Amino acid sequence: PSPYVEAKALVNLSRLARYLNRLQ
């Protein structure tokens, strides 16, 4: 299962988190 842990982010996760927290 290690590739699931090692995978890098595809999108800017800080930006995504800001959007998601605001939408929630």
PDBML (XML) file of the C-alpha atoms, coordinates in Angstrom:
<?xml version="1.0" encoding="UTF-8" ?>
<PDBx:datablock datablockName="MODEL"
   xmlns:PDBx="http://pdbml.pdb.org/schema/pdbx-v50.xsd"
   xmlns:xsi="http://www.w3.org/2001/XMLSchema-instance"
   xsi:schemaLocation="http://pdbml.pdb.org/schema/pdbx-v50.xsd pdbx-v50.xsd">
   <PDBx:atom_siteCategory>
      <PDBx:atom_site id="1">
         <PDBx:B_iso_or_equiv>0.00</PDBx:B_iso_or_equiv>
         <PDBx:Cartn_x>0.000</PDBx:Cartn_x>
         <PDBx:Cartn_y>0.000</PDBx:Cartn_y>
         <PDBx:Cartn_z>0.000</PDBx:Cartn_z>
         <PDBx:auth_asym_id>A</PDBx:auth_asym_id>
         <PDBx:auth_atom_id>CA</PDBx:auth_atom_id>
         <PDBx:auth_comp_id>PRO</PDBx:auth_comp_id>
         <PDBx:auth_seq_id>1</PDBx:auth_seq_id>
         <PDBx:group_PDB>ATOM</PDBx:group_PDB>
         <PDBx:label_alt_id xsi:nil="true" />
         <PDBx:label_asym_id>A</PDBx:label_asym_id>
         <PDBx:label_atom_id>CA</PDBx:label_atom_id>
         <PDBx:label_comp_id>PRO</PDBx:label_comp_id>
         <PDBx:label_entity_id>1</PDBx:label_entity_id>
         <PDBx:label_seq_id>1</PDBx:label_seq_id>
         <PDBx:occupancy>1.00</PDBx:occupancy>
         <PDBx:pdbx_PDB_model_num>1</PDBx:pdbx_PDB_model_num>
         <PDBx:type_symbol>C</PDBx:type_symbol>
      </PDBx:atom_site>
      <PDBx:atom_site id="2">
         <PDBx:B_iso_or_equiv>0.00</PDBx:B_iso_or_equiv>
         <PDBx:Cartn_x>2.992</PDBx:Cartn_x>
         <PDBx:Cartn_y>2.369</PDBx:Cartn_y>
         <PDBx:Cartn_z>0.162</PDBx:Cartn_z>
         <PDBx:auth_asym_id>A</PDBx:auth_asym_id>
         <PDBx:auth_atom_id>CA</PDBx:auth_atom_id>
         <PDBx:auth_comp_id>SER</PDBx:auth_comp_id>
         <PDBx:auth_seq_id>2</PDBx:auth_seq_id>
         <PDBx:group_PDB>ATOM</PDBx:group_PDB>
         <PDBx:label_alt_id xsi:nil="true" />
         <PDBx:label_asym_id>A</PDBx:label_asym_id>
         <PDBx:label_atom_id>CA</PDBx:label_atom_id>
         <PDBx:label_comp_id>SER</PDBx:label_comp_id>
         <PDBx:label_entity_id>1</PDBx:label_entity_id>
         <PDBx:label_seq_id>2</PDBx:label_seq_id>
         <PDBx:occupancy>1.00</PDBx:occupancy>
         <PDBx:pdbx_PDB_model_num>1</PDBx:pdbx_PDB_model_num>
         <PDBx:type_symbol>C</PDBx:type_symbol>
      </PDBx:atom_site>
      <PDBx:atom_site id="3">
         <PDBx:B_iso_or_equiv>0.00</PDBx:B_iso_or_equiv>
         <PDBx:Cartn_x>2.220</PDBx:Cartn_x>
         <PDBx:Cartn_y>4.245</PDBx:Cartn_y>
         <PDBx:Cartn_z>-3.113</PDBx:Cartn_z>
         <PDBx:auth_asym_id>A</PDBx:auth_asym_id>
         <PDBx:auth_atom_id>CA</PDBx:auth_atom_id>
         <PDBx:auth_comp_id>PRO</PDBx:auth_comp_id>
         <PDBx:auth_seq_id>3</PDBx:auth_seq_id>
         <PDBx:group_PDB>ATOM</PDBx:group_PDB>
         <PDBx:label_alt_id xsi:nil="true" />
         <PDBx:label_asym_id>A</PDBx:label_asym_id>
         <PDBx:label_atom_id>CA</PDBx:label_atom_id>
         <PDBx:label_comp_id>PRO</PDBx:label_comp_id>
         <PDBx:label_entity_id>1</PDBx:label_entity_id>
         <PDBx:label_seq_id>3</PDBx:label_seq_id>
         <PDBx:occupancy>1.00</PDBx:occupancy>
         <PDBx:pdbx_PDB_model_num>1</PDBx:pdbx_PDB_model_num>
         <PDBx:type_symbol>C</PDBx:type_symbol>
      </PDBx:atom_site>
      <PDBx:atom_site id="4">
         <PDBx:B_iso_or_equiv>0.00</PDBx:B_iso_or_equiv>
         <PDBx:Cartn_x>-1.003</PDBx:Cartn_x>
         <PDBx:Cartn_y>5.493</PDBx:Cartn_y>
         <PDBx:Cartn_z>-1.524</PDBx:Cartn_z>
         <PDBx:auth_asym_id>A</PDBx:auth_asym_id>
         <PDBx:auth_atom_id>CA</PDBx:auth_atom_id>
         <PDBx:auth_comp_id>TYR</PDBx:auth_comp_id>
         <PDBx:auth_seq_id>4</PDBx:auth_seq_id>
         <PDBx:group_PDB>ATOM</PDBx:group_PDB>
         <PDBx:label_alt_id xsi:nil="true" />
         <PDBx:label_asym_id>A</PDBx:label_asym_id>
         <PDBx:label_atom_id>CA</PDBx:label_atom_id>
         <PDBx:label_comp_id>TYR</PDBx:label_comp_id>
         <PDBx:label_entity_id>1</PDBx:label_entity_id>
         <PDBx:label_seq_id>4</PDBx:label_seq_id>
         <PDBx:occupancy>1.00</PDBx:occupancy>
         <PDBx:pdbx_PDB_model_num>1</PDBx:pdbx_PDB_model_num>
         <PDBx:type_symbol>C</PDBx:type_symbol>
      </PDBx:atom_site>
      <PDBx:atom_site id="5">
         <PDBx:B_iso_or_equiv>0.00</PDBx:B_iso_or_equiv>
         <PDBx:Cartn_x>1.063</PDBx:Cartn_x>
         <PDBx:Cartn_y>7.054</PDBx:Cartn_y>
         <PDBx:Cartn_z>1.276</PDBx:Cartn_z>
         <PDBx:auth_asym_id>A</PDBx:auth_asym_id>
         <PDBx:auth_atom_id>CA</PDBx:auth_atom_id>
         <PDBx:auth_comp_id>VAL</PDBx:auth_comp_id>
         <PDBx:auth_seq_id>5</PDBx:auth_seq_id>
         <PDBx:group_PDB>ATOM</PDBx:group_PDB>
         <PDBx:label_alt_id xsi:nil="true" />
         <PDBx:label_asym_id>A</PDBx:label_asym_id>
         <PDBx:label_atom_id>CA</PDBx:label_atom_id>
         <PDBx:label_comp_id>VAL</PDBx:label_comp_id>
         <PDBx:label_entity_id>1</PDBx:label_entity_id>
         <PDBx:label_seq_id>5</PDBx:label_seq_id>
         <PDBx:occupancy>1.00</PDBx:occupancy>
         <PDBx:pdbx_PDB_model_num>1</PDBx:pdbx_PDB_model_num>
         <PDBx:type_symbol>C</PDBx:type_symbol>
      </PDBx:atom_site>
      <PDBx:atom_site id="6">
         <PDBx:B_iso_or_equiv>0.00</PDBx:B_iso_or_equiv>
         <PDBx:Cartn_x>3.911</PDBx:Cartn_x>
         <PDBx:Cartn_y>8.298</PDBx:Cartn_y>
         <PDBx:Cartn_z>-0.942</PDBx:Cartn_z>
         <PDBx:auth_asym_id>A</PDBx:auth_asym_id>
         <PDBx:auth_atom_id>CA</PDBx:auth_atom_id>
         <PDBx:auth_comp_id>GLU</PDBx:auth_comp_id>
         <PDBx:auth_seq_id>6</PDBx:auth_seq_id>
         <PDBx:group_PDB>ATOM</PDBx:group_PDB>
         <PDBx:label_alt_id xsi:nil="true" />
         <PDBx:label_asym_id>A</PDBx:label_asym_id>
         <PDBx:label_atom_id>CA</PDBx:label_atom_id>
         <PDBx:label_comp_id>GLU</PDBx:label_comp_id>
         <PDBx:label_entity_id>1</PDBx:label_entity_id>
         <PDBx:label_seq_id>6</PDBx:label_seq_id>
         <PDBx:occupancy>1.00</PDBx:occupancy>
         <PDBx:pdbx_PDB_model_num>1</PDBx:pdbx_PDB_model_num>
         <PDBx:type_symbol>C</PDBx:type_symbol>
      </PDBx:atom_site>
      <PDBx:atom_site id="7">
         <PDBx:B_iso_or_equiv>0.00</PDBx:B_iso_or_equiv>
         <PDBx:Cartn_x>1.716</PDBx:Cartn_x>
         <PDBx:Cartn_y>10.004</PDBx:Cartn_y>
         <PDBx:Cartn_z>-3.560</PDBx:Cartn_z>
         <PDBx:auth_asym_id>A</PDBx:auth_asym_id>
         <PDBx:auth_atom_id>CA</PDBx:auth_atom_id>
         <PDBx:auth_comp_id>ALA</PDBx:auth_comp_id>
         <PDBx:auth_seq_id>7</PDBx:auth_seq_id>
         <PDBx:group_PDB>ATOM</PDBx:group_PDB>
         <PDBx:label_alt_id xsi:nil="true" />
         <PDBx:label_asym_id>A</PDBx:label_asym_id>
         <PDBx:label_atom_id>CA</PDBx:label_atom_id>
         <PDBx:label_comp_id>ALA</PDBx:label_comp_id>
         <PDBx:label_entity_id>1</PDBx:label_entity_id>
         <PDBx:label_seq_id>7</PDBx:label_seq_id>
         <PDBx:occupancy>1.00</PDBx:occupancy>
         <PDBx:pdbx_PDB_model_num>1</PDBx:pdbx_PDB_model_num>
         <PDBx:type_symbol>C</PDBx:type_symbol>
      </PDBx:atom_site>
      <PDBx:atom_site id="8">
         <PDBx:B_iso_or_equiv>0.00</PDBx:B_iso_or_equiv>
         <PDBx:Cartn_x>2.321</PDBx:Cartn_x>
         <PDBx:Cartn_y>13.742</PDBx:Cartn_y>
         <PDBx:Cartn_z>-3.842</PDBx:Cartn_z>
         <PDBx:auth_asym_id>A</PDBx:auth_asym_id>
         <PDBx:auth_atom_id>CA</PDBx:auth_atom_id>
         <PDBx:auth_comp_id>LYS</PDBx:auth_comp_id>
         <PDBx:auth_seq_id>8</PDBx:auth_seq_id>
         <PDBx:group_PDB>ATOM</PDBx:group_PDB>
         <PDBx:label_alt_id xsi:nil="true" />
         <PDBx:label_asym_id>A</PDBx:label_asym_id>
         <PDBx:label_atom_id>CA</PDBx:label_atom_id>
         <PDBx:label_comp_id>LYS</PDBx:label_comp_id>
         <PDBx:label_entity_id>1</PDBx:label_entity_id>
         <PDBx:label_seq_id>8</PDBx:label_seq_id>
         <PDBx:occupancy>1.00</PDBx:occupancy>
         <PDBx:pdbx_PDB_model_num>1</PDBx:pdbx_PDB_model_num>
         <PDBx:type_symbol>C</PDBx:type_symbol>
      </PDBx:atom_site>
      <PDBx:atom_site id="9">
         <PDBx:B_iso_or_equiv>0.00</PDBx:B_iso_or_equiv>
         <PDBx:Cartn_x>-0.498</PDBx:Cartn_x>
         <PDBx:Cartn_y>16.247</PDBx:Cartn_y>
         <PDBx:Cartn_z>-4.052</PDBx:Cartn_z>
         <PDBx:auth_asym_id>A</PDBx:auth_asym_id>
         <PDBx:auth_atom_id>CA</PDBx:auth_atom_id>
         <PDBx:auth_comp_id>ALA</PDBx:auth_comp_id>
         <PDBx:auth_seq_id>9</PDBx:auth_seq_id>
         <PDBx:group_PDB>ATOM</PDBx:group_PDB>
         <PDBx:label_alt_id xsi:nil="true" />
         <PDBx:label_asym_id>A</PDBx:label_asym_id>
         <PDBx:label_atom_id>CA</PDBx:label_atom_id>
         <PDBx:label_comp_id>ALA</PDBx:label_comp_id>
         <PDBx:label_entity_id>1</PDBx:label_entity_id>
         <PDBx:label_seq_id>9</PDBx:label_seq_id>
         <PDBx:occupancy>1.00</PDBx:occupancy>
         <PDBx:pdbx_PDB_model_num>1</PDBx:pdbx_PDB_model_num>
         <PDBx:type_symbol>C</PDBx:type_symbol>
      </PDBx:atom_site>
      <PDBx:atom_site id="10">
         <PDBx:B_iso_or_equiv>0.00</PDBx:B_iso_or_equiv>
         <PDBx:Cartn_x>-1.981</PDBx:Cartn_x>
         <PDBx:Cartn_y>16.929</PDBx:Cartn_y>
         <PDBx:Cartn_z>-7.484</PDBx:Cartn_z>
         <PDBx:auth_asym_id>A</PDBx:auth_asym_id>
         <PDBx:auth_atom_id>CA</PDBx:auth_atom_id>
         <PDBx:auth_comp_id>LEU</PDBx:auth_comp_id>
         <PDBx:auth_seq_id>10</PDBx:auth_seq_id>
         <PDBx:group_PDB>ATOM</PDBx:group_PDB>
         <PDBx:label_alt_id xsi:nil="true" />
         <PDBx:label_asym_id>A</PDBx:label_asym_id>
         <PDBx:label_atom_id>CA</PDBx:label_atom_id>
         <PDBx:label_comp_id>LEU</PDBx:label_comp_id>
         <PDBx:label_entity_id>1</PDBx:label_entity_id>
         <PDBx:label_seq_id>10</PDBx:label_seq_id>
         <PDBx:occupancy>1.00</PDBx:occupancy>
         <PDBx:pdbx_PDB_model_num>1</PDBx:pdbx_PDB_model_num>
         <PDBx:type_symbol>C</PDBx:type_symbol>
      </PDBx:atom_site>
      <PDBx:atom_site id="11">
         <PDBx:B_iso_or_equiv>0.00</PDBx:B_iso_or_equiv>
         <PDBx:Cartn_x>-3.398</PDBx:Cartn_x>
         <PDBx:Cartn_y>20.327</PDBx:Cartn_y>
         <PDBx:Cartn_z>-6.507</PDBx:Cartn_z>
         <PDBx:auth_asym_id>A</PDBx:auth_asym_id>
         <PDBx:auth_atom_id>CA</PDBx:auth_atom_id>
         <PDBx:auth_comp_id>VAL</PDBx:auth_comp_id>
         <PDBx:auth_seq_id>11</PDBx:auth_seq_id>
         <PDBx:group_PDB>ATOM</PDBx:group_PDB>
         <PDBx:label_alt_id xsi:nil="true" />
         <PDBx:label_asym_id>A</PDBx:label_asym_id>
         <PDBx:label_atom_id>CA</PDBx:label_atom_id>
         <PDBx:label_comp_id>VAL</PDBx:label_comp_id>
         <PDBx:label_entity_id>1</PDBx:label_entity_id>
         <PDBx:label_seq_id>11</PDBx:label_seq_id>
         <PDBx:occupancy>1.00</PDBx:occupancy>
         <PDBx:pdbx_PDB_model_num>1</PDBx:pdbx_PDB_model_num>
         <PDBx:type_symbol>C</PDBx:type_symbol>
      </PDBx:atom_site>
      <PDBx:atom_site id="12">
         <PDBx:B_iso_or_equiv>0.00</PDBx:B_iso_or_equiv>
         <PDBx:Cartn_x>-2.358</PDBx:Cartn_x>
         <PDBx:Cartn_y>23.120</PDBx:Cartn_y>
         <PDBx:Cartn_z>-4.159</PDBx:Cartn_z>
         <PDBx:auth_asym_id>A</PDBx:auth_asym_id>
         <PDBx:auth_atom_id>CA</PDBx:auth_atom_id>
         <PDBx:auth_comp_id>ASN</PDBx:auth_comp_id>
         <PDBx:auth_seq_id>12</PDBx:auth_seq_id>
         <PDBx:group_PDB>ATOM</PDBx:group_PDB>
         <PDBx:label_alt_id xsi:nil="true" />
         <PDBx:label_asym_id>A</PDBx:label_asym_id>
         <PDBx:label_atom_id>CA</PDBx:label_atom_id>
         <PDBx:label_comp_id>ASN</PDBx:label_comp_id>
         <PDBx:label_entity_id>1</PDBx:label_entity_id>
         <PDBx:label_seq_id>12</PDBx:label_seq_id>
         <PDBx:occupancy>1.00</PDBx:occupancy>
         <PDBx:pdbx_PDB_model_num>1</PDBx:pdbx_PDB_model_num>
         <PDBx:type_symbol>C</PDBx:type_symbol>
      </PDBx:atom_site>
      <PDBx:atom_site id="13">
         <PDBx:B_iso_or_equiv>0.00</PDBx:B_iso_or_equiv>
         <PDBx:Cartn_x>-3.652</PDBx:Cartn_x>
         <PDBx:Cartn_y>21.617</PDBx:Cartn_y>
         <PDBx:Cartn_z>-0.929</PDBx:Cartn_z>
         <PDBx:auth_asym_id>A</PDBx:auth_asym_id>
         <PDBx:auth_atom_id>CA</PDBx:auth_atom_id>
         <PDBx:auth_comp_id>LEU</PDBx:auth_comp_id>
         <PDBx:auth_seq_id>13</PDBx:auth_seq_id>
         <PDBx:group_PDB>ATOM</PDBx:group_PDB>
         <PDBx:label_alt_id xsi:nil="true" />
         <PDBx:label_asym_id>A</PDBx:label_asym_id>
         <PDBx:label_atom_id>CA</PDBx:label_atom_id>
         <PDBx:label_comp_id>LEU</PDBx:label_comp_id>
         <PDBx:label_entity_id>1</PDBx:label_entity_id>
         <PDBx:label_seq_id>13</PDBx:label_seq_id>
         <PDBx:occupancy>1.00</PDBx:occupancy>
         <PDBx:pdbx_PDB_model_num>1</PDBx:pdbx_PDB_model_num>
         <PDBx:type_symbol>C</PDBx:type_symbol>
      </PDBx:atom_site>
      <PDBx:atom_site id="14">
         <PDBx:B_iso_or_equiv>0.00</PDBx:B_iso_or_equiv>
         <PDBx:Cartn_x>-3.407</PDBx:Cartn_x>
         <PDBx:Cartn_y>24.807</PDBx:Cartn_y>
         <PDBx:Cartn_z>1.135</PDBx:Cartn_z>
         <PDBx:auth_asym_id>A</PDBx:auth_asym_id>
         <PDBx:auth_atom_id>CA</PDBx:auth_atom_id>
         <PDBx:auth_comp_id>SER</PDBx:auth_comp_id>
         <PDBx:auth_seq_id>14</PDBx:auth_seq_id>
         <PDBx:group_PDB>ATOM</PDBx:group_PDB>
         <PDBx:label_alt_id xsi:nil="true" />
         <PDBx:label_asym_id>A</PDBx:label_asym_id>
         <PDBx:label_atom_id>CA</PDBx:label_atom_id>
         <PDBx:label_comp_id>SER</PDBx:label_comp_id>
         <PDBx:label_entity_id>1</PDBx:label_entity_id>
         <PDBx:label_seq_id>14</PDBx:label_seq_id>
         <PDBx:occupancy>1.00</PDBx:occupancy>
         <PDBx:pdbx_PDB_model_num>1</PDBx:pdbx_PDB_model_num>
         <PDBx:type_symbol>C</PDBx:type_symbol>
      </PDBx:atom_site>
      <PDBx:atom_site id="15">
         <PDBx:B_iso_or_equiv>0.00</PDBx:B_iso_or_equiv>
         <PDBx:Cartn_x>-5.620</PDBx:Cartn_x>
         <PDBx:Cartn_y>26.583</PDBx:Cartn_y>
         <PDBx:Cartn_z>-1.371</PDBx:Cartn_z>
         <PDBx:auth_asym_id>A</PDBx:auth_asym_id>
         <PDBx:auth_atom_id>CA</PDBx:auth_atom_id>
         <PDBx:auth_comp_id>ARG</PDBx:auth_comp_id>
         <PDBx:auth_seq_id>15</PDBx:auth_seq_id>
         <PDBx:group_PDB>ATOM</PDBx:group_PDB>
         <PDBx:label_alt_id xsi:nil="true" />
         <PDBx:label_asym_id>A</PDBx:label_asym_id>
         <PDBx:label_atom_id>CA</PDBx:label_atom_id>
         <PDBx:label_comp_id>ARG</PDBx:label_comp_id>
         <PDBx:label_entity_id>1</PDBx:label_entity_id>
         <PDBx:label_seq_id>15</PDBx:label_seq_id>
         <PDBx:occupancy>1.00</PDBx:occupancy>
         <PDBx:pdbx_PDB_model_num>1</PDBx:pdbx_PDB_model_num>
         <PDBx:type_symbol>C</PDBx:type_symbol>
      </PDBx:atom_site>
      <PDBx:atom_site id="16">
         <PDBx:B_iso_or_equiv>0.00</PDBx:B_iso_or_equiv>
         <PDBx:Cartn_x>-7.981</PDBx:Cartn_x>
         <PDBx:Cartn_y>23.604</PDBx:Cartn_y>
         <PDBx:Cartn_z>-1.531</PDBx:Cartn_z>
         <PDBx:auth_asym_id>A</PDBx:auth_asym_id>
         <PDBx:auth_atom_id>CA</PDBx:auth_atom_id>
         <PDBx:auth_comp_id>LEU</PDBx:auth_comp_id>
         <PDBx:auth_seq_id>16</PDBx:auth_seq_id>
         <PDBx:group_PDB>ATOM</PDBx:group_PDB>
         <PDBx:label_alt_id xsi:nil="true" />
         <PDBx:label_asym_id>A</PDBx:label_asym_id>
         <PDBx:label_atom_id>CA</PDBx:label_atom_id>
         <PDBx:label_comp_id>LEU</PDBx:label_comp_id>
         <PDBx:label_entity_id>1</PDBx:label_entity_id>
         <PDBx:label_seq_id>16</PDBx:label_seq_id>
         <PDBx:occupancy>1.00</PDBx:occupancy>
         <PDBx:pdbx_PDB_model_num>1</PDBx:pdbx_PDB_model_num>
         <PDBx:type_symbol>C</PDBx:type_symbol>
      </PDBx:atom_site>
      <PDBx:atom_site id="17">
         <PDBx:B_iso_or_equiv>0.00</PDBx:B_iso_or_equiv>
         <PDBx:Cartn_x>-8.279</PDBx:Cartn_x>
         <PDBx:Cartn_y>23.457</PDBx:Cartn_y>
         <PDBx:Cartn_z>2.265</PDBx:Cartn_z>
         <PDBx:auth_asym_id>A</PDBx:auth_asym_id>
         <PDBx:auth_atom_id>CA</PDBx:auth_atom_id>
         <PDBx:auth_comp_id>ALA</PDBx:auth_comp_id>
         <PDBx:auth_seq_id>17</PDBx:auth_seq_id>
         <PDBx:group_PDB>ATOM</PDBx:group_PDB>
         <PDBx:label_alt_id xsi:nil="true" />
         <PDBx:label_asym_id>A</PDBx:label_asym_id>
         <PDBx:label_atom_id>CA</PDBx:label_atom_id>
         <PDBx:label_comp_id>ALA</PDBx:label_comp_id>
         <PDBx:label_entity_id>1</PDBx:label_entity_id>
         <PDBx:label_seq_id>17</PDBx:label_seq_id>
         <PDBx:occupancy>1.00</PDBx:occupancy>
         <PDBx:pdbx_PDB_model_num>1</PDBx:pdbx_PDB_model_num>
         <PDBx:type_symbol>C</PDBx:type_symbol>
      </PDBx:atom_site>
      <PDBx:atom_site id="18">
         <PDBx:B_iso_or_equiv>0.00</PDBx:B_iso_or_equiv>
         <PDBx:Cartn_x>-9.155</PDBx:Cartn_x>
         <PDBx:Cartn_y>27.170</PDBx:Cartn_y>
         <PDBx:Cartn_z>2.390</PDBx:Cartn_z>
         <PDBx:auth_asym_id>A</PDBx:auth_asym_id>
         <PDBx:auth_atom_id>CA</PDBx:auth_atom_id>
         <PDBx:auth_comp_id>ARG</PDBx:auth_comp_id>
         <PDBx:auth_seq_id>18</PDBx:auth_seq_id>
         <PDBx:group_PDB>ATOM</PDBx:group_PDB>
         <PDBx:label_alt_id xsi:nil="true" />
         <PDBx:label_asym_id>A</PDBx:label_asym_id>
         <PDBx:label_atom_id>CA</PDBx:label_atom_id>
         <PDBx:label_comp_id>ARG</PDBx:label_comp_id>
         <PDBx:label_entity_id>1</PDBx:label_entity_id>
         <PDBx:label_seq_id>18</PDBx:label_seq_id>
         <PDBx:occupancy>1.00</PDBx:occupancy>
         <PDBx:pdbx_PDB_model_num>1</PDBx:pdbx_PDB_model_num>
         <PDBx:type_symbol>C</PDBx:type_symbol>
      </PDBx:atom_site>
      <PDBx:atom_site id="19">
         <PDBx:B_iso_or_equiv>0.00</PDBx:B_iso_or_equiv>
         <PDBx:Cartn_x>-11.941</PDBx:Cartn_x>
         <PDBx:Cartn_y>26.644</PDBx:Cartn_y>
         <PDBx:Cartn_z>-0.146</PDBx:Cartn_z>
         <PDBx:auth_asym_id>A</PDBx:auth_asym_id>
         <PDBx:auth_atom_id>CA</PDBx:auth_atom_id>
         <PDBx:auth_comp_id>TYR</PDBx:auth_comp_id>
         <PDBx:auth_seq_id>19</PDBx:auth_seq_id>
         <PDBx:group_PDB>ATOM</PDBx:group_PDB>
         <PDBx:label_alt_id xsi:nil="true" />
         <PDBx:label_asym_id>A</PDBx:label_asym_id>
         <PDBx:label_atom_id>CA</PDBx:label_atom_id>
         <PDBx:label_comp_id>TYR</PDBx:label_comp_id>
         <PDBx:label_entity_id>1</PDBx:label_entity_id>
         <PDBx:label_seq_id>19</PDBx:label_seq_id>
         <PDBx:occupancy>1.00</PDBx:occupancy>
         <PDBx:pdbx_PDB_model_num>1</PDBx:pdbx_PDB_model_num>
         <PDBx:type_symbol>C</PDBx:type_symbol>
      </PDBx:atom_site>
      <PDBx:atom_site id="20">
         <PDBx:B_iso_or_equiv>0.00</PDBx:B_iso_or_equiv>
         <PDBx:Cartn_x>-13.246</PDBx:Cartn_x>
         <PDBx:Cartn_y>23.507</PDBx:Cartn_y>
         <PDBx:Cartn_z>1.546</PDBx:Cartn_z>
         <PDBx:auth_asym_id>A</PDBx:auth_asym_id>
         <PDBx:auth_atom_id>CA</PDBx:auth_atom_id>
         <PDBx:auth_comp_id>LEU</PDBx:auth_comp_id>
         <PDBx:auth_seq_id>20</PDBx:auth_seq_id>
         <PDBx:group_PDB>ATOM</PDBx:group_PDB>
         <PDBx:label_alt_id xsi:nil="true" />
         <PDBx:label_asym_id>A</PDBx:label_asym_id>
         <PDBx:label_atom_id>CA</PDBx:label_atom_id>
         <PDBx:label_comp_id>LEU</PDBx:label_comp_id>
         <PDBx:label_entity_id>1</PDBx:label_entity_id>
         <PDBx:label_seq_id>20</PDBx:label_seq_id>
         <PDBx:occupancy>1.00</PDBx:occupancy>
         <PDBx:pdbx_PDB_model_num>1</PDBx:pdbx_PDB_model_num>
         <PDBx:type_symbol>C</PDBx:type_symbol>
      </PDBx:atom_site>
      <PDBx:atom_site id="21">
         <PDBx:B_iso_or_equiv>0.00</PDBx:B_iso_or_equiv>
         <PDBx:Cartn_x>-13.293</PDBx:Cartn_x>
         <PDBx:Cartn_y>25.007</PDBx:Cartn_y>
         <PDBx:Cartn_z>5.024</PDBx:Cartn_z>
         <PDBx:auth_asym_id>A</PDBx:auth_asym_id>
         <PDBx:auth_atom_id>CA</PDBx:auth_atom_id>
         <PDBx:auth_comp_id>ASN</PDBx:auth_comp_id>
         <PDBx:auth_seq_id>21</PDBx:auth_seq_id>
         <PDBx:group_PDB>ATOM</PDBx:group_PDB>
         <PDBx:label_alt_id xsi:nil="true" />
         <PDBx:label_asym_id>A</PDBx:label_asym_id>
         <PDBx:label_atom_id>CA</PDBx:label_atom_id>
         <PDBx:label_comp_id>ASN</PDBx:label_comp_id>
         <PDBx:label_entity_id>1</PDBx:label_entity_id>
         <PDBx:label_seq_id>21</PDBx:label_seq_id>
         <PDBx:occupancy>1.00</PDBx:occupancy>
         <PDBx:pdbx_PDB_model_num>1</PDBx:pdbx_PDB_model_num>
         <PDBx:type_symbol>C</PDBx:type_symbol>
      </PDBx:atom_site>
      <PDBx:atom_site id="22">
         <PDBx:B_iso_or_equiv>0.00</PDBx:B_iso_or_equiv>
         <PDBx:Cartn_x>-15.117</PDBx:Cartn_x>
         <PDBx:Cartn_y>28.063</PDBx:Cartn_y>
         <PDBx:Cartn_z>3.716</PDBx:Cartn_z>
         <PDBx:auth_asym_id>A</PDBx:auth_asym_id>
         <PDBx:auth_atom_id>CA</PDBx:auth_atom_id>
         <PDBx:auth_comp_id>ARG</PDBx:auth_comp_id>
         <PDBx:auth_seq_id>22</PDBx:auth_seq_id>
         <PDBx:group_PDB>ATOM</PDBx:group_PDB>
         <PDBx:label_alt_id xsi:nil="true" />
         <PDBx:label_asym_id>A</PDBx:label_asym_id>
         <PDBx:label_atom_id>CA</PDBx:label_atom_id>
         <PDBx:label_comp_id>ARG</PDBx:label_comp_id>
         <PDBx:label_entity_id>1</PDBx:label_entity_id>
         <PDBx:label_seq_id>22</PDBx:label_seq_id>
         <PDBx:occupancy>1.00</PDBx:occupancy>
         <PDBx:pdbx_PDB_model_num>1</PDBx:pdbx_PDB_model_num>
         <PDBx:type_symbol>C</PDBx:type_symbol>
      </PDBx:atom_site>
      <PDBx:atom_site id="23">
         <PDBx:B_iso_or_equiv>0.00</PDBx:B_iso_or_equiv>
         <PDBx:Cartn_x>-17.655</PDBx:Cartn_x>
         <PDBx:Cartn_y>25.951</PDBx:Cartn_y>
         <PDBx:Cartn_z>1.788</PDBx:Cartn_z>
         <PDBx:auth_asym_id>A</PDBx:auth_asym_id>
         <PDBx:auth_atom_id>CA</PDBx:auth_atom_id>
         <PDBx:auth_comp_id>LEU</PDBx:auth_comp_id>
         <PDBx:auth_seq_id>23</PDBx:auth_seq_id>
         <PDBx:group_PDB>ATOM</PDBx:group_PDB>
         <PDBx:label_alt_id xsi:nil="true" />
         <PDBx:label_asym_id>A</PDBx:label_asym_id>
         <PDBx:label_atom_id>CA</PDBx:label_atom_id>
         <PDBx:label_comp_id>LEU</PDBx:label_comp_id>
         <PDBx:label_entity_id>1</PDBx:label_entity_id>
         <PDBx:label_seq_id>23</PDBx:label_seq_id>
         <PDBx:occupancy>1.00</PDBx:occupancy>
         <PDBx:pdbx_PDB_model_num>1</PDBx:pdbx_PDB_model_num>
         <PDBx:type_symbol>C</PDBx:type_symbol>
      </PDBx:atom_site>
      <PDBx:atom_site id="24">
         <PDBx:B_iso_or_equiv>0.00</PDBx:B_iso_or_equiv>
         <PDBx:Cartn_x>-18.282</PDBx:Cartn_x>
         <PDBx:Cartn_y>23.803</PDBx:Cartn_y>
         <PDBx:Cartn_z>4.846</PDBx:Cartn_z>
         <PDBx:auth_asym_id>A</PDBx:auth_asym_id>
         <PDBx:auth_atom_id>CA</PDBx:auth_atom_id>
         <PDBx:auth_comp_id>GLN</PDBx:auth_comp_id>
         <PDBx:auth_seq_id>24</PDBx:auth_seq_id>
         <PDBx:group_PDB>ATOM</PDBx:group_PDB>
         <PDBx:label_alt_id xsi:nil="true" />
         <PDBx:label_asym_id>A</PDBx:label_asym_id>
         <PDBx:label_atom_id>CA</PDBx:label_atom_id>
         <PDBx:label_comp_id>GLN</PDBx:label_comp_id>
         <PDBx:label_entity_id>1</PDBx:label_entity_id>
         <PDBx:label_seq_id>24</PDBx:label_seq_id>
         <PDBx:occupancy>1.00</PDBx:occupancy>
         <PDBx:pdbx_PDB_model_num>1</PDBx:pdbx_PDB_model_num>
         <PDBx:type_symbol>C</PDBx:type_symbol>
      </PDBx:atom_site>
   </PDBx:atom_siteCategory>
</PDBx:datablock>
